[in-house]
Amino acid sequence: MRKIKNVLILGLFIAIALMGTVVCTSVENKFSKDDFEDEMIKRGHEYKFIDENMGDNLLGEKSIGITLDDNITLDGKQYILYDVHLIVNYYESNEEMEKSASKINKDASVVTSVNGIPIDIEWGKTPHFYKKGTIIVRYEGADEKIINDLEEIMGEQFAGIE
């Protein structure tokens, strides 16, 4: 009787652990462009969305451009130091996002188009690609704060130049 009770308790712990894994994975796979926006705001980024589908559509039809405004106030005047552009590609599901992400090689020098044609890319600035849930974020630049914030939000870059 005691063995049966121990087996049932062990089974219950395993079931709870598996449910926790499924819930965490499910939440991770649902991370969306709205979640990304919330996380950027929490980190103090002021930005504006460029029109829907203003991204370059390199990875698909659904993209949005974001401009981060980095500015400083001196003597009561606000100066924009530079504009930082991010492209957020968003998808209906994590599976669609992963399929699109697989079209980018490790250093982002080649991207396979939606037509299956490999395109050699020469970036104007250092490319960084991040993925999470249902989005892929592309940042071109070298600002350490932005890179650190993107890594905190999205995890390590999966393609680009480090």
C-alpha atoms as a PDB file:
ATOM      1  CA  MET A   1       0.000   0.000   0.000  1.00  0.00           C
ATOM      2  CA  ARG A   2       2.831   2.373   0.899  1.00  0.00           C
ATOM      3  CA  LYS A   3       4.566   1.690  -2.459  1.00  0.00           C
ATOM      4  CA  ILE A   4       1.390   2.525  -4.371  1.00  0.00           C
ATOM      5  CA  LYS A   5       1.015   5.765  -2.416  1.00  0.00           C
ATOM      6  CA  ASN A   6       4.661   6.715  -3.150  1.00  0.00           C
ATOM      7  CA  VAL A   7       4.219   5.925  -6.854  1.00  0.00           C
ATOM      8  CA  LEU A   8       1.047   8.061  -6.989  1.00  0.00           C
ATOM      9  CA  ILE A   9       2.786  10.978  -5.250  1.00  0.00           C
ATOM     10  CA  LEU A  10       5.762  10.704  -7.619  1.00  0.00           C
ATOM     11  CA  GLY A  11       3.370  10.595 -10.577  1.00  0.00           C
ATOM     12  CA  LEU A  12       1.618  13.713  -9.289  1.00  0.00           C
ATOM     13  CA  PHE A  13       4.926  15.606  -9.010  1.00  0.00           C
ATOM     14  CA  ILE A  14       5.899  14.581 -12.537  1.00  0.00           C
ATOM     15  CA  ALA A  15       2.511  15.688 -13.886  1.00  0.00           C
ATOM     16  CA  ILE A  16       2.814  19.084 -12.174  1.00  0.00           C
ATOM     17  CA  ALA A  17       6.346  19.547 -13.530  1.00  0.00           C
ATOM     18  CA  LEU A  18       5.231  18.692 -17.067  1.00  0.00           C
ATOM     19  CA  MET A  19       2.278  21.081 -16.847  1.00  0.00           C
ATOM     20  CA  GLY A  20       4.622  23.875 -15.753  1.00  0.00           C
ATOM     21  CA  THR A  21       6.894  23.189 -18.723  1.00  0.00           C
ATOM     22  CA  VAL A  22       3.960  23.247 -21.150  1.00  0.00           C
ATOM     23  CA  VAL A  23       2.603  26.504 -19.695  1.00  0.00           C
ATOM     24  CA  CYS A  24       6.030  28.216 -19.837  1.00  0.00           C
ATOM     25  CA  THR A  25       6.620  27.047 -23.404  1.00  0.00           C
ATOM     26  CA  SER A  26       3.139  28.163 -24.411  1.00  0.00           C
ATOM     27  CA  VAL A  27       3.626  31.644 -22.927  1.00  0.00           C
ATOM     28  CA  GLU A  28       7.057  31.940 -24.584  1.00  0.00           C
ATOM     29  CA  ASN A  29       5.556  30.994 -27.961  1.00  0.00           C
ATOM     30  CA  LYS A  30       2.868  33.683 -27.606  1.00  0.00           C
ATOM     31  CA  PHE A  31       5.265  36.644 -27.153  1.00  0.00           C
ATOM     32  CA  SER A  32       3.941  39.251 -29.625  1.00  0.00           C
ATOM     33  CA  LYS A  33       4.751  42.686 -31.028  1.00  0.00           C
ATOM     34  CA  ASP A  34       2.518  44.197 -28.303  1.00  0.00           C
ATOM     35  CA  ASP A  35       4.544  42.393 -25.623  1.00  0.00           C
ATOM     36  CA  PHE A  36       7.710  43.702 -27.281  1.00  0.00           C
ATOM     37  CA  GLU A  37       6.325  47.247 -27.164  1.00  0.00           C
ATOM     38  CA  ASP A  38       5.546  46.911 -23.447  1.00  0.00           C
ATOM     39  CA  GLU A  39       9.060  45.637 -22.714  1.00  0.00           C
ATOM     40  CA  MET A  40      10.700  48.478 -24.648  1.00  0.00           C
ATOM     41  CA  ILE A  41       8.630  51.049 -22.742  1.00  0.00           C
ATOM     42  CA  LYS A  42       9.629  49.442 -19.413  1.00  0.00           C
ATOM     43  CA  ARG A  43      13.263  49.993 -20.384  1.00  0.00           C
ATOM     44  CA  GLY A  44      12.703  53.687 -21.033  1.00  0.00           C
ATOM     45  CA  HIS A  45      12.689  53.699 -24.813  1.00  0.00           C
ATOM     46  CA  GLU A  46      10.611  56.378 -26.451  1.00  0.00           C
ATOM     47  CA  TYR A  47       9.673  55.433 -29.956  1.00  0.00           C
ATOM     48  CA  LYS A  48       7.107  55.734 -32.641  1.00  0.00           C
ATOM     49  CA  PHE A  49       5.757  53.214 -35.086  1.00  0.00           C
ATOM     50  CA  ILE A  50       6.283  53.822 -38.735  1.00  0.00           C
ATOM     51  CA  ASP A  51       3.217  52.770 -40.754  1.00  0.00           C
ATOM     52  CA  GLU A  52       2.258  49.096 -40.750  1.00  0.00           C
ATOM     53  CA  ASN A  53       4.181  47.110 -43.359  1.00  0.00           C
ATOM     54  CA  MET A  54       6.725  49.929 -43.708  1.00  0.00           C
ATOM     55  CA  GLY A  55       9.390  47.389 -42.922  1.00  0.00           C
ATOM     56  CA  ASP A  56      11.270  46.085 -45.916  1.00  0.00           C
ATOM     57  CA  ASN A  57       9.343  42.785 -45.942  1.00  0.00           C
ATOM     58  CA  LEU A  58      12.588  40.861 -46.214  1.00  0.00           C
ATOM     59  CA  LEU A  59      11.131  38.057 -44.086  1.00  0.00           C
ATOM     60  CA  GLY A  60       7.466  38.241 -45.001  1.00  0.00           C
ATOM     61  CA  GLU A  61       4.528  40.511 -45.533  1.00  0.00           C
ATOM     62  CA  LYS A  62       3.722  41.452 -41.950  1.00  0.00           C
ATOM     63  CA  SER A  63       6.258  43.883 -40.587  1.00  0.00           C
ATOM     64  CA  ILE A  64       6.335  47.166 -38.797  1.00  0.00           C
ATOM     65  CA  GLY A  65       9.077  49.716 -38.516  1.00  0.00           C
ATOM     66  CA  ILE A  66       9.904  51.316 -35.175  1.00  0.00           C
ATOM     67  CA  THR A  67      12.012  54.424 -34.689  1.00  0.00           C
ATOM     68  CA  LEU A  68      13.604  54.859 -31.280  1.00  0.00           C
ATOM     69  CA  ASP A  69      14.343  58.445 -30.414  1.00  0.00           C
ATOM     70  CA  ASP A  70      17.501  58.928 -28.412  1.00  0.00           C
ATOM     71  CA  ASN A  71      17.587  62.500 -27.254  1.00  0.00           C
ATOM     72  CA  ILE A  72      19.118  64.823 -24.747  1.00  0.00           C
ATOM     73  CA  THR A  73      17.929  68.110 -23.277  1.00  0.00           C
ATOM     74  CA  LEU A  74      20.483  70.914 -23.015  1.00  0.00           C
ATOM     75  CA  ASP A  75      19.604  74.436 -21.891  1.00  0.00           C
ATOM     76  CA  GLY A  76      15.892  73.672 -22.206  1.00  0.00           C
ATOM     77  CA  LYS A  77      16.198  72.463 -25.814  1.00  0.00           C
ATOM     78  CA  GLN A  78      15.712  68.871 -26.831  1.00  0.00           C
ATOM     79  CA  TYR A  79      18.197  67.447 -29.313  1.00  0.00           C
ATOM     80  CA  ILE A  80      17.680  64.147 -31.106  1.00  0.00           C
ATOM     81  CA  LEU A  81      21.050  62.457 -31.113  1.00  0.00           C
ATOM     82  CA  TYR A  82      20.127  59.814 -33.636  1.00  0.00           C
ATOM     83  CA  ASP A  83      17.222  57.741 -34.779  1.00  0.00           C
ATOM     84  CA  VAL A  84      17.462  54.004 -34.381  1.00  0.00           C
ATOM     85  CA  HIS A  85      15.355  51.858 -36.655  1.00  0.00           C
ATOM     86  CA  LEU A  86      14.066  48.418 -35.767  1.00  0.00           C
ATOM     87  CA  ILE A  87      12.046  46.170 -38.022  1.00  0.00           C
ATOM     88  CA  VAL A  88       9.597  43.822 -36.295  1.00  0.00           C
ATOM     89  CA  ASN A  89       8.261  40.969 -38.406  1.00  0.00           C
ATOM     90  CA  TYR A  90       5.264  39.329 -36.804  1.00  0.00           C
ATOM     91  CA  TYR A  91       3.512  36.062 -37.508  1.00  0.00           C
ATOM     92  CA  GLU A  92       0.318  34.199 -36.665  1.00  0.00           C
ATOM     93  CA  SER A  93       2.215  31.430 -34.873  1.00  0.00           C
ATOM     94  CA  ASN A  94       5.588  30.470 -33.468  1.00  0.00           C
ATOM     95  CA  GLU A  95       5.899  27.833 -36.198  1.00  0.00           C
ATOM     96  CA  GLU A  96       5.542  30.484 -38.944  1.00  0.00           C
ATOM     97  CA  MET A  97       8.122  32.657 -37.200  1.00  0.00           C
ATOM     98  CA  GLU A  98      10.609  29.776 -36.919  1.00  0.00           C
ATOM     99  CA  LYS A  99      10.118  28.930 -40.602  1.00  0.00           C
ATOM    100  CA  SER A 100      10.930  32.514 -41.535  1.00  0.00           C
ATOM    101  CA  ALA A 101      13.895  32.682 -39.125  1.00  0.00           C
ATOM    102  CA  SER A 102      15.400  29.588 -40.767  1.00  0.00           C
ATOM    103  CA  LYS A 103      15.814  31.610 -43.984  1.00  0.00           C
ATOM    104  CA  ILE A 104      18.604  33.720 -42.447  1.00  0.00           C
ATOM    105  CA  ASN A 105      22.120  32.312 -42.285  1.00  0.00           C
ATOM    106  CA  LYS A 106      24.194  32.702 -39.096  1.00  0.00           C
ATOM    107  CA  ASP A 107      25.990  35.943 -40.034  1.00  0.00           C
ATOM    108  CA  ALA A 108      22.930  37.337 -41.881  1.00  0.00           C
ATOM    109  CA  SER A 109      24.904  37.680 -45.115  1.00  0.00           C
ATOM    110  CA  VAL A 110      22.360  35.560 -47.008  1.00  0.00           C
ATOM    111  CA  VAL A 111      18.588  35.590 -46.642  1.00  0.00           C
ATOM    112  CA  THR A 112      16.392  33.243 -48.622  1.00  0.00           C
ATOM    113  CA  SER A 113      13.472  35.192 -50.074  1.00  0.00           C
ATOM    114  CA  VAL A 114       9.828  34.136 -49.887  1.00  0.00           C
ATOM    115  CA  ASN A 115      10.325  32.842 -53.452  1.00  0.00           C
ATOM    116  CA  GLY A 116      13.141  30.550 -52.277  1.00  0.00           C
ATOM    117  CA  ILE A 117      15.891  32.620 -53.915  1.00  0.00           C
ATOM    118  CA  PRO A 118      19.015  33.256 -51.792  1.00  0.00           C
ATOM    119  CA  ILE A 119      19.805  36.976 -51.591  1.00  0.00           C
ATOM    120  CA  ASP A 120      23.294  38.185 -50.667  1.00  0.00           C
ATOM    121  CA  ILE A 121      22.973  41.092 -48.234  1.00  0.00           C
ATOM    122  CA  GLU A 122      25.481  43.847 -47.568  1.00  0.00           C
ATOM    123  CA  TRP A 123      24.270  45.701 -44.500  1.00  0.00           C
ATOM    124  CA  GLY A 124      24.908  49.414 -44.019  1.00  0.00           C
ATOM    125  CA  LYS A 125      25.341  48.841 -40.270  1.00  0.00           C
ATOM    126  CA  THR A 126      25.960  45.784 -38.109  1.00  0.00           C
ATOM    127  CA  PRO A 127      22.881  43.497 -38.288  1.00  0.00           C
ATOM    128  CA  HIS A 128      21.374  41.778 -35.249  1.00  0.00           C
ATOM    129  CA  PHE A 129      18.378  39.416 -35.468  1.00  0.00           C
ATOM    130  CA  TYR A 130      16.376  38.286 -32.436  1.00  0.00           C
ATOM    131  CA  LYS A 131      13.378  35.981 -32.247  1.00  0.00           C
ATOM    132  CA  LYS A 132      10.826  35.139 -29.617  1.00  0.00           C
ATOM    133  CA  GLY A 133       7.272  33.878 -29.641  1.00  0.00           C
ATOM    134  CA  THR A 134       5.683  35.165 -32.827  1.00  0.00           C
ATOM    135  CA  ILE A 135       8.134  37.938 -33.763  1.00  0.00           C
ATOM    136  CA  ILE A 136      11.557  38.532 -35.287  1.00  0.00           C
ATOM    137  CA  VAL A 137      13.272  41.834 -34.497  1.00  0.00           C
ATOM    138  CA  ARG A 138      16.049  43.248 -36.663  1.00  0.00           C
ATOM    139  CA  TYR A 139      18.337  45.973 -35.381  1.00  0.00           C
ATOM    140  CA  GLU A 140      21.153  47.448 -37.416  1.00  0.00           C
ATOM    141  CA  GLY A 141      23.702  49.241 -35.288  1.00  0.00           C
ATOM    142  CA  ALA A 142      26.140  48.962 -32.417  1.00  0.00           C
ATOM    143  CA  ASP A 143      24.483  50.772 -29.504  1.00  0.00           C
ATOM    144  CA  GLU A 144      25.296  48.602 -26.474  1.00  0.00           C
ATOM    145  CA  LYS A 145      22.222  49.693 -24.486  1.00  0.00           C
ATOM    146  CA  ILE A 146      19.885  48.744 -27.321  1.00  0.00           C
ATOM    147  CA  ILE A 147      21.670  45.438 -27.886  1.00  0.00           C
ATOM    148  CA  ASN A 148      21.553  44.651 -24.146  1.00  0.00           C
ATOM    149  CA  ASP A 149      17.860  45.578 -23.932  1.00  0.00           C
ATOM    150  CA  LEU A 150      17.033  43.448 -26.973  1.00  0.00           C
ATOM    151  CA  GLU A 151      18.929  40.506 -25.478  1.00  0.00           C
ATOM    152  CA  GLU A 152      17.093  40.908 -22.156  1.00  0.00           C
ATOM    153  CA  ILE A 153      13.741  40.989 -23.939  1.00  0.00           C
ATOM    154  CA  MET A 154      14.328  38.535 -26.780  1.00  0.00           C
ATOM    155  CA  GLY A 155      17.293  36.377 -25.722  1.00  0.00           C
ATOM    156  CA  GLU A 156      20.567  36.012 -27.601  1.00  0.00           C
ATOM    157  CA  GLN A 157      20.586  37.017 -31.242  1.00  0.00           C
ATOM    158  CA  PHE A 158      20.138  34.061 -33.559  1.00  0.00           C
ATOM    159  CA  ALA A 159      21.707  35.683 -36.630  1.00  0.00           C
ATOM    160  CA  GLY A 160      23.911  38.646 -37.399  1.00  0.00           C
ATOM    161  CA  ILE A 161      27.308  39.906 -36.419  1.00  0.00           C
ATOM    162  CA  GLU A 162      28.273  39.926 -32.745  1.00  0.00           C
END
